[in-house]
PDB file of N, CA and C in Angstrom:
ATOM      1  N   MET A   1      -2.941  14.552 -11.516  1.00  0.00           N
ATOM      2  CA  MET A   1      -3.310  12.787 -11.218  1.00  0.00           C
ATOM      3  C   MET A   1      -4.301  12.428 -12.751  1.00  0.00           C
ATOM      4  N   SER A   2      -3.758  11.352 -13.280  1.00  0.00           N
ATOM      5  CA  SER A   2      -4.855  10.914 -14.240  1.00  0.00           C
ATOM      6  C   SER A   2      -6.316  10.088 -13.229  1.00  0.00           C
ATOM      7  N   GLU A   3      -7.563  10.282 -14.111  1.00  0.00           N
ATOM      8  CA  GLU A   3      -8.401   9.719 -13.485  1.00  0.00           C
ATOM      9  C   GLU A   3      -8.455   8.129 -13.846  1.00  0.00           C
ATOM     10  N   TYR A   4      -9.073   7.422 -12.692  1.00  0.00           N
ATOM     11  CA  TYR A   4      -9.248   6.067 -13.370  1.00  0.00           C
ATOM     12  C   TYR A   4     -10.476   5.703 -13.819  1.00  0.00           C
ATOM     13  N   HIS A   5     -10.449   5.232 -14.951  1.00  0.00           N
ATOM     14  CA  HIS A   5     -11.805   4.731 -15.587  1.00  0.00           C
ATOM     15  C   HIS A   5     -11.662   3.066 -15.552  1.00  0.00           C
ATOM     16  N   ASP A   6     -13.184   2.877 -15.118  1.00  0.00           N
ATOM     17  CA  ASP A   6     -13.616   1.343 -14.998  1.00  0.00           C
ATOM     18  C   ASP A   6     -14.100   0.742 -16.246  1.00  0.00           C
ATOM     19  N   ARG A   7     -13.282   0.920 -17.273  1.00  0.00           N
ATOM     20  CA  ARG A   7     -13.505   0.161 -18.269  1.00  0.00           C
ATOM     21  C   ARG A   7     -12.369   0.125 -19.198  1.00  0.00           C
ATOM     22  N   CYS A   8     -12.470  -0.450 -20.195  1.00  0.00           N
ATOM     23  CA  CYS A   8     -11.348  -1.140 -21.210  1.00  0.00           C
ATOM     24  C   CYS A   8     -11.507  -0.163 -22.264  1.00  0.00           C
ATOM     25  N   ASP A   9     -10.134   0.520 -23.167  1.00  0.00           N
ATOM     26  CA  ASP A   9     -10.530   1.177 -24.152  1.00  0.00           C
ATOM     27  C   ASP A   9      -9.995   0.494 -25.356  1.00  0.00           C
ATOM     28  N   CYS A  10     -10.094  -0.824 -25.127  1.00  0.00           N
ATOM     29  CA  CYS A  10      -9.416  -1.634 -26.413  1.00  0.00           C
ATOM     30  C   CYS A  10     -10.869  -2.155 -27.354  1.00  0.00           C
ATOM     31  N   ASN A  11     -10.932  -2.024 -28.246  1.00  0.00           N
ATOM     32  CA  ASN A  11     -12.100  -1.791 -28.979  1.00  0.00           C
ATOM     33  C   ASN A  11     -11.622  -3.182 -30.371  1.00  0.00           C
ATOM     34  N   THR A  12     -11.070  -3.985 -29.886  1.00  0.00           N
ATOM     35  CA  THR A  12     -10.610  -5.243 -30.925  1.00  0.00           C
ATOM     36  C   THR A  12     -11.096  -6.567 -29.959  1.00  0.00           C
ATOM     37  N   ILE A  13     -11.863  -7.254 -30.552  1.00  0.00           N
ATOM     38  CA  ILE A  13     -12.493  -8.386 -30.167  1.00  0.00           C
ATOM     39  C   ILE A  13     -12.134  -9.404 -31.020  1.00  0.00           C
ATOM     40  N   ARG A  14     -11.610 -10.598 -30.205  1.00  0.00           N
ATOM     41  CA  ARG A  14     -11.911 -11.753 -31.672  1.00  0.00           C
ATOM     42  C   ARG A  14     -12.791 -12.726 -30.755  1.00  0.00           C
ATOM     43  N   GLU A  15     -13.711 -12.402 -31.734  1.00  0.00           N
ATOM     44  CA  GLU A  15     -14.763 -13.165 -31.423  1.00  0.00           C
ATOM     45  C   GLU A  15     -14.785 -14.936 -31.047  1.00  0.00           C
ATOM     46  N   SER A  16     -13.353 -15.445 -31.668  1.00  0.00           N
ATOM     47  CA  SER A  16     -13.688 -16.936 -31.444  1.00  0.00           C
ATOM     48  C   SER A  16     -12.992 -17.195 -30.135  1.00  0.00           C
ATOM     49  N   VAL A  17     -12.240 -16.253 -29.708  1.00  0.00           N
ATOM     50  CA  VAL A  17     -11.836 -16.371 -28.049  1.00  0.00           C
ATOM     51  C   VAL A  17     -12.959 -16.220 -27.546  1.00  0.00           C
ATOM     52  N   PHE A  18     -13.463 -15.009 -27.355  1.00  0.00           N
ATOM     53  CA  PHE A  18     -14.530 -14.476 -26.511  1.00  0.00           C
ATOM     54  C   PHE A  18     -15.595 -15.960 -26.710  1.00  0.00           C
ATOM     55  N   ASN A  19     -16.136 -16.313 -27.710  1.00  0.00           N
ATOM     56  CA  ASN A  19     -17.323 -17.269 -27.619  1.00  0.00           C
ATOM     57  C   ASN A  19     -16.718 -18.694 -26.920  1.00  0.00           C
ATOM     58  N   ARG A  20     -15.270 -18.961 -26.813  1.00  0.00           N
ATOM     59  CA  ARG A  20     -15.057 -19.913 -26.408  1.00  0.00           C
ATOM     60  C   ARG A  20     -14.855 -19.641 -24.760  1.00  0.00           C
ATOM     61  N   VAL A  21     -14.625 -18.644 -24.538  1.00  0.00           N
ATOM     62  CA  VAL A  21     -14.384 -18.211 -23.118  1.00  0.00           C
ATOM     63  C   VAL A  21     -16.058 -18.152 -22.209  1.00  0.00           C
ATOM     64  N   ARG A  22     -16.835 -17.582 -23.163  1.00  0.00           N
ATOM     65  CA  ARG A  22     -18.191 -17.668 -22.491  1.00  0.00           C
ATOM     66  C   ARG A  22     -18.731 -19.203 -22.985  1.00  0.00           C
ATOM     67  N   ALA A  23     -18.735 -20.144 -23.283  1.00  0.00           N
ATOM     68  CA  ALA A  23     -18.836 -21.200 -23.524  1.00  0.00           C
ATOM     69  C   ALA A  23     -18.447 -22.305 -22.264  1.00  0.00           C
ATOM     70  N   ALA A  24     -17.265 -21.746 -21.841  1.00  0.00           N
ATOM     71  CA  ALA A  24     -16.370 -22.214 -20.625  1.00  0.00           C
ATOM     72  C   ALA A  24     -17.006 -22.023 -19.455  1.00  0.00           C
ATOM     73  N   LEU A  25     -17.863 -20.891 -19.317  1.00  0.00           N
ATOM     74  CA  LEU A  25     -18.488 -20.605 -17.961  1.00  0.00           C
ATOM     75  C   LEU A  25     -19.034 -21.244 -17.477  1.00  0.00           C
ATOM     76  N   PRO A  26     -19.151 -21.569 -16.588  1.00  0.00           N
ATOM     77  CA  PRO A  26     -20.122 -22.374 -15.755  1.00  0.00           C
ATOM     78  C   PRO A  26     -21.589 -22.136 -15.630  1.00  0.00           C
ATOM     79  N   GLY A  27     -22.470 -22.782 -15.546  1.00  0.00           N
ATOM     80  CA  GLY A  27     -24.063 -21.932 -15.559  1.00  0.00           C
ATOM     81  C   GLY A  27     -24.154 -21.532 -14.178  1.00  0.00           C
ATOM     82  N   GLU A  28     -25.411 -20.548 -14.430  1.00  0.00           N
ATOM     83  CA  GLU A  28     -25.865 -19.691 -13.181  1.00  0.00           C
ATOM     84  C   GLU A  28     -26.002 -20.629 -12.190  1.00  0.00           C
ATOM     85  N   ASP A  29     -26.597 -21.534 -12.036  1.00  0.00           N
ATOM     86  CA  ASP A  29     -26.418 -22.493 -10.406  1.00  0.00           C
ATOM     87  C   ASP A  29     -25.357 -22.711 -10.313  1.00  0.00           C
ATOM     88  N   ASN A  30     -24.475 -23.295 -11.032  1.00  0.00           N
ATOM     89  CA  ASN A  30     -22.920 -23.582 -10.487  1.00  0.00           C
ATOM     90  C   ASN A  30     -22.381 -22.337  -9.817  1.00  0.00           C
ATOM     91  N   LEU A  31     -22.685 -21.215 -10.321  1.00  0.00           N
ATOM     92  CA  LEU A  31     -21.986 -20.158  -9.914  1.00  0.00           C
ATOM     93  C   LEU A  31     -22.230 -19.587  -8.913  1.00  0.00           C
ATOM     94  N   TYR A  32     -23.636 -19.874  -8.419  1.00  0.00           N
ATOM     95  CA  TYR A  32     -24.573 -19.550  -7.003  1.00  0.00           C
ATOM     96  C   TYR A  32     -23.702 -20.360  -5.814  1.00  0.00           C
ATOM     97  N   ASP A  33     -23.901 -21.491  -6.392  1.00  0.00           N
ATOM     98  CA  ASP A  33     -23.267 -22.289  -5.658  1.00  0.00           C
ATOM     99  C   ASP A  33     -21.887 -22.174  -5.166  1.00  0.00           C
ATOM    100  N   LEU A  34     -21.192 -21.945  -6.187  1.00  0.00           N
ATOM    101  CA  LEU A  34     -19.567 -21.077  -5.773  1.00  0.00           C
ATOM    102  C   LEU A  34     -19.505 -19.980  -4.947  1.00  0.00           C
ATOM    103  N   ALA A  35     -20.403 -18.962  -5.229  1.00  0.00           N
ATOM    104  CA  ALA A  35     -20.257 -18.170  -4.469  1.00  0.00           C
ATOM    105  C   ALA A  35     -20.904 -18.178  -3.115  1.00  0.00           C
ATOM    106  N   ASP A  36     -22.042 -19.195  -2.825  1.00  0.00           N
ATOM    107  CA  ASP A  36     -22.697 -19.686  -1.656  1.00  0.00           C
ATOM    108  C   ASP A  36     -21.172 -20.225  -0.588  1.00  0.00           C
ATOM    109  N   LEU A  37     -20.539 -21.127  -1.597  1.00  0.00           N
ATOM    110  CA  LEU A  37     -18.931 -21.978  -0.821  1.00  0.00           C
ATOM    111  C   LEU A  37     -17.848 -20.879  -0.089  1.00  0.00           C
ATOM    112  N   PHE A  38     -17.775 -19.750  -1.335  1.00  0.00           N
ATOM    113  CA  PHE A  38     -16.900 -19.085  -1.257  1.00  0.00           C
ATOM    114  C   PHE A  38     -17.268 -17.695   0.406  1.00  0.00           C
ATOM    115  N   LYS A  39     -18.439 -17.778   0.456  1.00  0.00           N
ATOM    116  CA  LYS A  39     -18.791 -16.999   1.458  1.00  0.00           C
ATOM    117  C   LYS A  39     -18.358 -17.404   2.623  1.00  0.00           C
ATOM    118  N   VAL A  40     -18.312 -18.882   2.780  1.00  0.00           N
ATOM    119  CA  VAL A  40     -17.577 -19.481   3.964  1.00  0.00           C
ATOM    120  C   VAL A  40     -16.280 -18.682   4.749  1.00  0.00           C
ATOM    121  N   PHE A  41     -15.475 -18.493   3.554  1.00  0.00           N
ATOM    122  CA  PHE A  41     -14.044 -18.307   3.757  1.00  0.00           C
ATOM    123  C   PHE A  41     -14.240 -16.431   4.238  1.00  0.00           C
ATOM    124  N   GLY A  42     -15.378 -15.765   4.147  1.00  0.00           N
ATOM    125  CA  GLY A  42     -15.400 -14.020   4.460  1.00  0.00           C
ATOM    126  C   GLY A  42     -15.561 -14.177   5.851  1.00  0.00           C
ATOM    127  N   ASP A  43     -15.239 -14.743   6.613  1.00  0.00           N
ATOM    128  CA  ASP A  43     -15.440 -14.710   8.253  1.00  0.00           C
ATOM    129  C   ASP A  43     -14.276 -15.494   8.806  1.00  0.00           C
ATOM    130  N   SER A  44     -13.108 -14.732   9.438  1.00  0.00           N
ATOM    131  CA  SER A  44     -11.647 -15.173   9.487  1.00  0.00           C
ATOM    132  C   SER A  44     -12.027 -16.323  10.848  1.00  0.00           C
ATOM    133  N   THR A  45     -12.839 -16.240  11.540  1.00  0.00           N
ATOM    134  CA  THR A  45     -13.742 -17.433  12.381  1.00  0.00           C
ATOM    135  C   THR A  45     -13.773 -18.961  11.960  1.00  0.00           C
ATOM    136  N   ARG A  46     -14.530 -18.756  10.775  1.00  0.00           N
ATOM    137  CA  ARG A  46     -14.665 -19.693   9.718  1.00  0.00           C
ATOM    138  C   ARG A  46     -13.176 -20.250   9.329  1.00  0.00           C
ATOM    139  N   VAL A  47     -12.410 -19.442   9.079  1.00  0.00           N
ATOM    140  CA  VAL A  47     -11.328 -20.116   8.330  1.00  0.00           C
ATOM    141  C   VAL A  47     -10.534 -20.671   9.201  1.00  0.00           C
ATOM    142  N   LYS A  48     -10.588 -20.261  10.516  1.00  0.00           N
ATOM    143  CA  LYS A  48      -9.757 -20.583  11.827  1.00  0.00           C
ATOM    144  C   LYS A  48     -10.137 -21.852  11.995  1.00  0.00           C
ATOM    145  N   ILE A  49     -11.563 -22.492  11.792  1.00  0.00           N
ATOM    146  CA  ILE A  49     -12.065 -23.526  12.174  1.00  0.00           C
ATOM    147  C   ILE A  49     -11.826 -24.597  10.964  1.00  0.00           C
ATOM    148  N   LEU A  50     -11.705 -23.954   9.988  1.00  0.00           N
ATOM    149  CA  LEU A  50     -11.196 -25.042   8.466  1.00  0.00           C
ATOM    150  C   LEU A  50      -9.682 -25.206   8.537  1.00  0.00           C
ATOM    151  N   ALA A  51      -9.292 -24.228   9.261  1.00  0.00           N
ATOM    152  CA  ALA A  51      -7.713 -24.366   8.536  1.00  0.00           C
ATOM    153  C   ALA A  51      -6.848 -25.805   8.965  1.00  0.00           C
ATOM    154  N   PRO A  52      -7.079 -26.143   9.923  1.00  0.00           N
ATOM    155  CA  PRO A  52      -6.904 -27.561  10.576  1.00  0.00           C
ATOM    156  C   PRO A  52      -6.991 -28.448   9.451  1.00  0.00           C
ATOM    157  N   TRP A  53      -8.188 -28.785   9.073  1.00  0.00           N
ATOM    158  CA  TRP A  53      -8.620 -29.897   8.191  1.00  0.00           C
ATOM    159  C   TRP A  53      -7.640 -29.618   6.877  1.00  0.00           C
ATOM    160  N   ALA A  54      -6.966 -28.597   6.659  1.00  0.00           N
ATOM    161  CA  ALA A  54      -6.125 -28.189   5.483  1.00  0.00           C
ATOM    162  C   ALA A  54      -4.756 -29.166   5.689  1.00  0.00           C
ATOM    163  N   SER A  55      -4.544 -29.380   6.907  1.00  0.00           N
ATOM    164  CA  SER A  55      -3.424 -29.507   7.297  1.00  0.00           C
ATOM    165  C   SER A  55      -3.008 -31.162   7.269  1.00  0.00           C
ATOM    166  N   PRO A  56      -2.236 -31.699   6.528  1.00  0.00           N
ATOM    167  CA  PRO A  56      -1.817 -33.180   6.543  1.00  0.00           C
ATOM    168  C   PRO A  56      -1.506 -33.683   7.773  1.00  0.00           C
ATOM    169  N   ARG A  57      -1.238 -32.870   9.000  1.00  0.00           N
ATOM    170  CA  ARG A  57      -0.954 -33.295  10.043  1.00  0.00           C
ATOM    171  C   ARG A  57      -2.102 -33.701  10.751  1.00  0.00           C
ATOM    172  N   TYR A  58      -3.360 -33.276  10.667  1.00  0.00           N
ATOM    173  CA  TYR A  58      -4.502 -33.989  11.218  1.00  0.00           C
ATOM    174  C   TYR A  58      -5.116 -34.981  10.627  1.00  0.00           C
TER     175      TYR A  58
END
């Protein structure tokens, strides 16, 4: 069985693409805010409470 490695074996980096992606990343404050928002969906009871709000019938 092959061993799983948690890394990329690619050694080619397109610096222009890397720089564009890095520049497009949200700031640290926004990342923390987004992480806090998505924590809401980590509990099925909270999702059940929020689910009716997503329905156009209500």
